[in-house]
Structures are given as C-alpha cells and as structure tokens.
Amino acid sequence: MSSLFSRTTSFQRELHASDEEFRQIRDYIYELCGIHIADNRKYLVENRLAARLKDLNLKTFGEYYYYLRYDKNRREELNRLFEVITTNETSFYRNPPQLKVFQEVVLKDMLAELKAKGSRRLRIWSAGCSSGEEPYTLGIILHELLRAEIASWDIKITASDISTAVLDAAKSGVYSDYALRTTPPEIIRKYFKQDGKEYHLAENVKKLVRFDQLNLNDKLQMKRVERSQIIFCRNVIIYFDDEMKTRVMSSFYDNLLPGGALLIGHSESLHNISRAFRPEHHKGAIVYRKDS
C-alpha cells in the first residue's frame, strides 16, 4: 500500500499545470458548474486531476483541457471531473442542532399548516445531496415525526447532485459505519440492517427519496425541479463566488412555495447575497423564509 501511494505521489509531483493551463481548466469548471477555484488553489487542481491525466494517457493539463472540450468521450469525463473536484464529506444526522430546529419547528409547523388546509402533500429538495446521507436523514425524521400517519401523506424528497458517481452510491442505500458516526444508536437500530461492515437503509425511507443529476449553474434544470416547501442546501455555496451564490439563491426563491423554508450550512450565510429571504433565528440554526 505504501509503495503504491509513493508511486501515485511521485506521478502527481511530476505533473504541473502552467498558469495558462490552470486558468483554462479553472475557468471551464466555473463555466460548467459555477464552482470557483481561487488563484492560490492551483495545487488543488493539479493534485486532484493528476490521476485523470494518467488514466487517459495524457501528458499535460493542456491536453486534458482539450479533451474536456472536444473529445467524443467528453461527457463521461465531465462526470469524472465533477466527482474529483467536489468534496463529498458528509454523514447521517450531520449538524444535530440544525436538524432539531428542522424537526421541532420547521417541519412540525409545516405539517400542521398543511393539515389545516386539508393538504397532505409535502415536497422537500436536498440540493447537493452527495451520497444521500442528508435526504435520507430527512426521510428518517419524517418517519419519526409522522410514524404510522406517514402512509396517508404524499411525500417526495428530491435529492440532486452534479456527480453521477455519488448519486449511484446514494441510490443503493448501503453505508459504512463511518457514514453513521453522528447518528443516534436508536436510529441505527430502527432504520438500518447490518450485514457485516455494511448498513442497509430501510426501504420505507428509501422510497421517499428520488435522486436526479442536476447542475446548480443550469437555470433550465433548476426550473424543472418540483416546487418545494423546504429546501436544504448545506455546505454547497461555499464553493461559489458571490455572483453564482446570488443566481442559485434566486432559483431557490423561485422554487420555494410561499411560506417555505431554506436551510443552508452552519458556516454559510446569505449576508450580502440575498435580501429576498427573511432570516428566522433559532437556537442552533437560522431558517431563511420566503414570506407568504
């Protein structure tokens, strides 16, 4: 294992992008998906893409840029590119204080309001869902809150990501104990079946979630998402510049139904990005509301 790592590291060190090659690839990534890579992150592009050059038998980053733009297999490679440049660090029940606010305030009030209107139709959008831990967590919370009553509800959680690789993993509903490291033990016992080192998610949770590839930089794709009462987009907009953040938030605002709620990562903020949402402060979380 150590010798393989040494060879990989050695290969990566031999590959360097010129400033022009870095700018070409960096600008193309931004054009495609809105992810902004700062000038001082050139090493990140070199390290993460070196293996792709090796697999494609390409000698320079300039050749790789040309491959991305013009090769007949470019679409397949773009999926690989999105896979390696995005960070998919996540887990079930990530950021418990925020999820507590979601369950006890946002969701509880939303369900009560819908029932008062004679409706049992709920739509949630998990944007940038990675390998599925977030939307499945939301599904579990819905089961915990509604219990047997959930059978009488029309619920759909739309889970989207730009990477087909993480979506394929998400659809399987199979996870390691590392993905469950922040999950309450009683939830694991109730909603997962252990098989060796694998944990298989219960089918009644899986069926609430629909996975789709979606590029947040594509306005037409964003408009196709069914309008939602709640949107989760956590730890995604940190990769965007202010212009891209503004565009994405505008699309989220248009998607949300009146009275809807947006939840973003705890380290993220809409300050100086969007004044359309009304921030609602709770202990452990800020909920951004679209007023009725």
Protein backbone atom coordinates (compact mmCIF):
# COMPACT_ATOMS: atom_id res chain seq x y z
CA MET A 1 0.00 0.00 0.00
CA SER A 2 2.76 2.45 0.91
CA SER A 3 4.67 1.77 -2.34
CA LEU A 4 1.54 2.38 -4.40
CA PHE A 5 0.99 5.65 -2.56
CA SER A 6 4.58 6.63 -3.21
CA ARG A 7 4.24 5.95 -6.94
CA THR A 8 0.99 7.93 -7.12
CA THR A 9 2.50 10.83 -5.22
CA SER A 10 5.60 10.77 -7.40
CA PHE A 11 3.48 10.85 -10.54
CA GLN A 12 1.42 13.72 -9.19
CA ARG A 13 4.54 15.70 -8.35
CA GLU A 14 5.81 15.32 -11.92
CA LEU A 15 2.65 16.93 -13.31
CA HIS A 16 2.34 20.67 -13.08
CA ALA A 17 -0.05 22.98 -14.86
CA SER A 18 1.24 26.17 -16.36
CA ASP A 19 -0.56 29.32 -15.23
CA GLU A 20 -2.40 29.41 -18.56
CA GLU A 21 -3.44 25.73 -18.33
CA PHE A 22 -4.69 26.28 -14.78
CA ARG A 23 -6.71 29.32 -15.85
CA GLN A 24 -8.23 27.41 -18.78
CA ILE A 25 -9.34 24.48 -16.62
CA ARG A 26 -10.39 26.71 -13.69
CA ASP A 27 -12.48 28.96 -15.92
CA TYR A 28 -14.05 25.99 -17.71
CA ILE A 29 -15.06 24.42 -14.39
CA TYR A 30 -16.68 27.72 -13.40
CA GLU A 31 -18.44 27.95 -16.76
CA LEU A 32 -19.80 24.44 -16.34
CA CYS A 33 -20.93 24.33 -12.73
CA GLY A 34 -20.18 27.63 -11.03
CA ILE A 35 -17.53 26.23 -8.69
CA HIS A 36 -14.95 28.96 -8.09
CA ILE A 37 -11.31 27.96 -7.62
CA ALA A 38 -9.10 30.75 -6.32
CA ASP A 39 -5.71 31.52 -7.86
CA ASN A 40 -3.92 30.18 -4.79
CA ARG A 41 -5.60 26.76 -5.19
CA LYS A 42 -3.71 25.73 -8.29
CA TYR A 43 -2.13 22.85 -6.37
CA LEU A 44 -5.63 21.50 -5.67
CA VAL A 45 -6.40 21.24 -9.39
CA GLU A 46 -3.02 19.58 -10.04
CA ASN A 47 -3.38 17.05 -7.21
CA ARG A 48 -6.98 16.09 -7.89
CA LEU A 49 -6.69 15.82 -11.67
CA ALA A 50 -3.29 14.14 -11.97
CA ALA A 51 -4.84 10.67 -11.77
CA ARG A 52 -7.31 11.56 -14.53
CA LEU A 53 -4.45 12.53 -16.85
CA LYS A 54 -2.72 9.24 -16.06
CA ASP A 55 -5.88 7.19 -16.75
CA LEU A 56 -6.40 8.98 -20.07
CA ASN A 57 -2.71 8.72 -21.00
CA LEU A 58 -2.42 12.49 -21.33
CA LYS A 59 0.87 14.26 -20.76
CA THR A 60 -0.18 17.82 -19.94
CA PHE A 61 -3.06 19.71 -18.40
CA GLY A 62 -3.42 21.49 -21.72
CA GLU A 63 -4.18 18.13 -23.36
CA TYR A 64 -6.70 17.43 -20.62
CA TYR A 65 -8.42 20.77 -21.19
CA TYR A 66 -8.67 19.99 -24.90
CA TYR A 67 -10.08 16.53 -24.05
CA LEU A 68 -12.76 18.08 -21.81
CA ARG A 69 -13.86 20.47 -24.52
CA TYR A 70 -13.66 18.44 -27.71
CA ASP A 71 -13.17 14.68 -27.24
CA LYS A 72 -16.03 12.36 -28.19
CA ASN A 73 -15.93 10.93 -24.64
CA ARG A 74 -16.05 14.36 -23.01
CA ARG A 75 -19.45 13.85 -21.36
CA GLU A 76 -18.26 10.78 -19.49
CA GLU A 77 -15.10 12.60 -18.45
CA LEU A 78 -17.06 15.63 -17.25
CA ASN A 79 -18.83 13.33 -14.78
CA ARG A 80 -15.43 12.14 -13.55
CA LEU A 81 -14.25 15.74 -13.32
CA PHE A 82 -17.23 16.72 -11.16
CA GLU A 83 -16.58 13.69 -8.99
CA VAL A 84 -12.97 14.59 -8.22
CA ILE A 85 -13.31 18.35 -7.78
CA THR A 86 -16.22 18.20 -5.33
CA THR A 87 -15.78 17.23 -1.70
CA ASN A 88 -18.28 14.64 -0.51
CA GLU A 89 -17.62 14.69 3.23
CA THR A 90 -20.96 14.05 4.89
CA SER A 91 -22.78 11.80 7.33
CA PHE A 92 -26.25 10.95 8.61
CA TYR A 93 -27.62 13.40 11.19
CA ARG A 94 -24.93 15.98 10.43
CA ASN A 95 -25.30 19.18 12.48
CA PRO A 96 -27.82 17.94 15.09
CA PRO A 97 -28.78 21.44 16.41
CA GLN A 98 -29.96 22.49 12.95
CA LEU A 99 -31.82 19.21 12.42
CA LYS A 100 -33.52 19.67 15.80
CA VAL A 101 -34.82 23.07 14.65
CA PHE A 102 -35.90 21.49 11.37
CA GLN A 103 -37.81 18.70 13.12
CA GLU A 104 -39.31 20.59 16.05
CA VAL A 105 -40.04 23.94 14.39
CA VAL A 106 -39.91 23.98 10.59
CA LEU A 107 -41.31 20.55 9.81
CA LYS A 108 -43.76 20.36 12.71
CA ASP A 109 -45.28 23.74 11.82
CA MET A 110 -45.30 22.94 8.10
CA LEU A 111 -47.14 19.65 8.58
CA ALA A 112 -49.68 21.27 10.91
CA GLU A 113 -50.27 24.10 8.42
CA LEU A 114 -50.75 21.67 5.53
CA LYS A 115 -53.22 19.57 7.51
CA ALA A 116 -55.15 22.69 8.47
CA LYS A 117 -55.52 23.44 4.74
CA GLY A 118 -56.65 19.88 4.07
CA SER A 119 -53.45 19.00 2.24
CA ARG A 120 -51.04 16.15 2.85
CA ARG A 121 -48.63 16.90 0.01
CA LEU A 122 -45.06 17.73 1.03
CA ARG A 123 -42.09 18.43 -1.25
CA ILE A 124 -38.54 18.82 0.00
CA TRP A 125 -35.45 19.49 -2.12
CA SER A 126 -31.99 18.38 -0.98
CA ALA A 127 -29.66 20.29 -3.34
CA GLY A 128 -26.10 19.00 -3.41
CA CYS A 129 -27.12 15.76 -1.73
CA SER A 130 -23.78 13.97 -2.24
CA SER A 131 -24.05 10.26 -1.39
CA GLY A 132 -27.52 10.54 0.10
CA GLU A 133 -26.98 10.92 3.82
CA GLU A 134 -28.81 14.25 4.02
CA PRO A 135 -32.04 13.40 2.14
CA TYR A 136 -32.24 10.02 3.83
CA THR A 137 -31.82 11.73 7.21
CA LEU A 138 -34.75 13.97 6.33
CA GLY A 139 -36.75 10.88 5.40
CA ILE A 140 -35.98 9.28 8.75
CA ILE A 141 -37.02 12.45 10.58
CA LEU A 142 -40.32 12.42 8.69
CA HIS A 143 -40.91 8.83 9.78
CA GLU A 144 -40.07 9.73 13.38
CA LEU A 145 -42.47 12.66 13.37
CA LEU A 146 -45.39 11.16 11.45
CA ARG A 147 -44.99 7.50 12.41
CA ALA A 148 -47.90 5.39 11.09
CA GLU A 149 -49.59 8.53 9.76
CA ILE A 150 -46.91 8.85 7.07
CA ALA A 151 -48.77 6.30 4.92
CA SER A 152 -51.53 8.87 4.35
CA TRP A 153 -49.12 11.55 3.11
CA ASP A 154 -47.88 12.31 -0.40
CA ILE A 155 -44.20 13.00 0.30
CA LYS A 156 -41.30 13.35 -2.10
CA ILE A 157 -37.75 14.39 -1.33
CA THR A 158 -35.92 15.44 -4.48
CA ALA A 159 -32.19 14.82 -3.99
CA SER A 160 -29.86 16.31 -6.58
CA ASP A 161 -26.13 16.44 -7.18
CA ILE A 162 -23.86 17.17 -10.12
CA SER A 163 -21.88 13.94 -9.67
CA THR A 164 -23.43 10.75 -11.05
CA ALA A 165 -20.95 8.67 -9.05
CA VAL A 166 -22.25 9.85 -5.68
CA LEU A 167 -25.85 9.55 -6.88
CA ASP A 168 -25.30 5.92 -7.87
CA ALA A 169 -23.88 5.24 -4.40
CA ALA A 170 -26.82 7.05 -2.80
CA LYS A 171 -29.43 5.03 -4.67
CA SER A 172 -28.07 1.78 -3.22
CA GLY A 173 -28.79 2.92 0.34
CA VAL A 174 -25.79 0.99 1.64
CA TYR A 175 -23.39 2.71 4.03
CA SER A 176 -20.38 2.13 6.27
CA ASP A 177 -20.26 2.78 9.99
CA TYR A 178 -18.30 5.97 9.20
CA ALA A 179 -21.35 7.45 7.45
CA LEU A 180 -23.33 6.73 10.65
CA ARG A 181 -20.78 8.21 13.04
CA THR A 182 -23.08 11.11 14.04
CA THR A 183 -26.30 9.06 14.07
CA PRO A 184 -28.13 8.23 17.35
CA PRO A 185 -27.78 4.49 18.10
CA GLU A 186 -31.54 4.01 18.39
CA ILE A 187 -31.98 5.43 14.86
CA ILE A 188 -29.41 2.98 13.51
CA ARG A 189 -31.18 0.05 15.16
CA LYS A 190 -34.56 1.18 13.85
CA TYR A 191 -33.77 2.12 10.25
CA PHE A 192 -30.70 0.09 9.26
CA LYS A 193 -29.95 -3.58 8.87
CA GLN A 194 -26.35 -4.51 9.45
CA ASP A 195 -24.69 -7.00 7.12
CA GLY A 196 -21.06 -7.42 8.08
CA LYS A 197 -19.48 -3.99 7.74
CA GLU A 198 -22.37 -2.64 5.67
CA TYR A 199 -25.54 -0.95 6.85
CA HIS A 200 -28.59 -1.22 4.60
CA LEU A 201 -31.17 1.54 4.89
CA ALA A 202 -34.84 0.58 5.35
CA GLU A 203 -36.91 0.57 2.17
CA ASN A 204 -39.67 2.71 3.70
CA VAL A 205 -37.13 5.55 3.97
CA LYS A 206 -35.55 4.98 0.56
CA LYS A 207 -38.89 5.20 -1.24
CA LEU A 208 -39.39 8.80 -0.06
CA VAL A 209 -36.33 10.00 -2.00
CA ARG A 210 -35.83 10.50 -5.72
CA PHE A 211 -32.29 11.12 -6.97
CA ASP A 212 -31.51 13.22 -10.05
CA GLN A 213 -28.36 14.70 -11.54
CA LEU A 214 -28.63 18.47 -11.52
CA ASN A 215 -26.22 21.33 -12.17
CA LEU A 216 -27.00 24.34 -9.96
CA ASN A 217 -25.49 26.52 -12.68
CA ASP A 218 -28.16 25.41 -15.16
CA LYS A 219 -31.27 27.61 -14.84
CA LEU A 220 -33.40 25.33 -17.01
CA GLN A 221 -32.59 22.29 -14.86
CA MET A 222 -33.36 24.28 -11.72
CA LYS A 223 -36.75 25.30 -13.10
CA ARG A 224 -37.69 21.66 -13.70
CA VAL A 225 -37.50 20.78 -10.01
CA GLU A 226 -40.95 20.47 -8.50
CA ARG A 227 -41.79 23.44 -6.29
CA SER A 228 -40.93 22.80 -2.68
CA GLN A 229 -41.99 23.77 0.81
CA ILE A 230 -38.47 23.17 2.16
CA ILE A 231 -35.02 23.34 0.57
CA PHE A 232 -31.80 22.05 2.11
CA CYS A 233 -28.55 23.24 0.51
CA ARG A 234 -25.84 22.72 3.09
CA ASN A 235 -22.10 23.17 2.56
CA VAL A 236 -22.51 23.79 -1.16
CA ILE A 237 -22.48 27.53 -1.75
CA ILE A 238 -19.09 27.83 -0.03
CA TYR A 239 -17.66 26.68 -3.38
CA PHE A 240 -19.33 29.54 -5.28
CA ASP A 241 -18.41 33.17 -5.76
CA ASP A 242 -20.94 35.87 -4.87
CA GLU A 243 -22.34 36.08 -8.40
CA MET A 244 -23.02 32.35 -8.53
CA LYS A 245 -24.45 32.37 -4.98
CA THR A 246 -26.88 35.13 -6.00
CA ARG A 247 -28.05 33.16 -9.05
CA VAL A 248 -28.57 29.97 -7.05
CA MET A 249 -30.46 31.75 -4.27
CA SER A 250 -32.69 33.42 -6.84
CA SER A 251 -33.56 30.00 -8.26
CA PHE A 252 -34.22 28.62 -4.78
CA TYR A 253 -36.50 31.55 -4.00
CA ASP A 254 -38.46 30.95 -7.20
CA ASN A 255 -38.75 27.24 -6.38
CA LEU A 256 -39.99 27.70 -2.83
CA LEU A 257 -43.70 27.93 -2.24
CA PRO A 258 -44.92 30.92 -0.17
CA GLY A 259 -44.07 30.39 3.49
CA GLY A 260 -41.35 27.93 2.52
CA ALA A 261 -38.04 27.48 4.31
CA LEU A 262 -34.41 27.34 3.15
CA LEU A 263 -31.69 25.81 5.32
CA ILE A 264 -28.01 26.21 4.46
CA GLY A 265 -24.77 25.12 6.14
CA HIS A 266 -23.99 26.48 9.61
CA SER A 267 -20.84 28.19 8.31
CA GLU A 268 -22.67 29.74 5.35
CA SER A 269 -24.60 32.99 5.20
CA LEU A 270 -26.84 34.91 2.82
CA HIS A 271 -25.49 38.21 4.13
CA ASN A 272 -24.84 40.49 1.14
CA ILE A 273 -26.06 37.67 -1.14
CA SER A 274 -29.85 37.85 -0.99
CA ARG A 275 -32.36 40.10 0.72
CA ALA A 276 -35.31 38.14 -0.64
CA PHE A 277 -35.42 35.73 2.30
CA ARG A 278 -36.40 36.67 5.83
CA PRO A 279 -33.91 35.23 8.34
CA GLU A 280 -35.56 33.47 11.27
CA HIS A 281 -33.18 32.97 14.19
CA HIS A 282 -33.39 29.88 16.36
CA LYS A 283 -31.02 28.34 18.88
CA GLY A 284 -28.55 26.40 16.73
CA ALA A 285 -29.83 27.45 13.31
CA ILE A 286 -31.02 30.20 11.01
CA VAL A 287 -34.02 29.42 8.83
CA TYR A 288 -34.47 31.57 5.72
CA ARG A 289 -38.15 32.12 4.95
CA LYS A 290 -39.99 33.05 1.80
CA ASP A 291 -42.85 35.13 3.12
CA SER A 292 -46.38 34.29 2.09
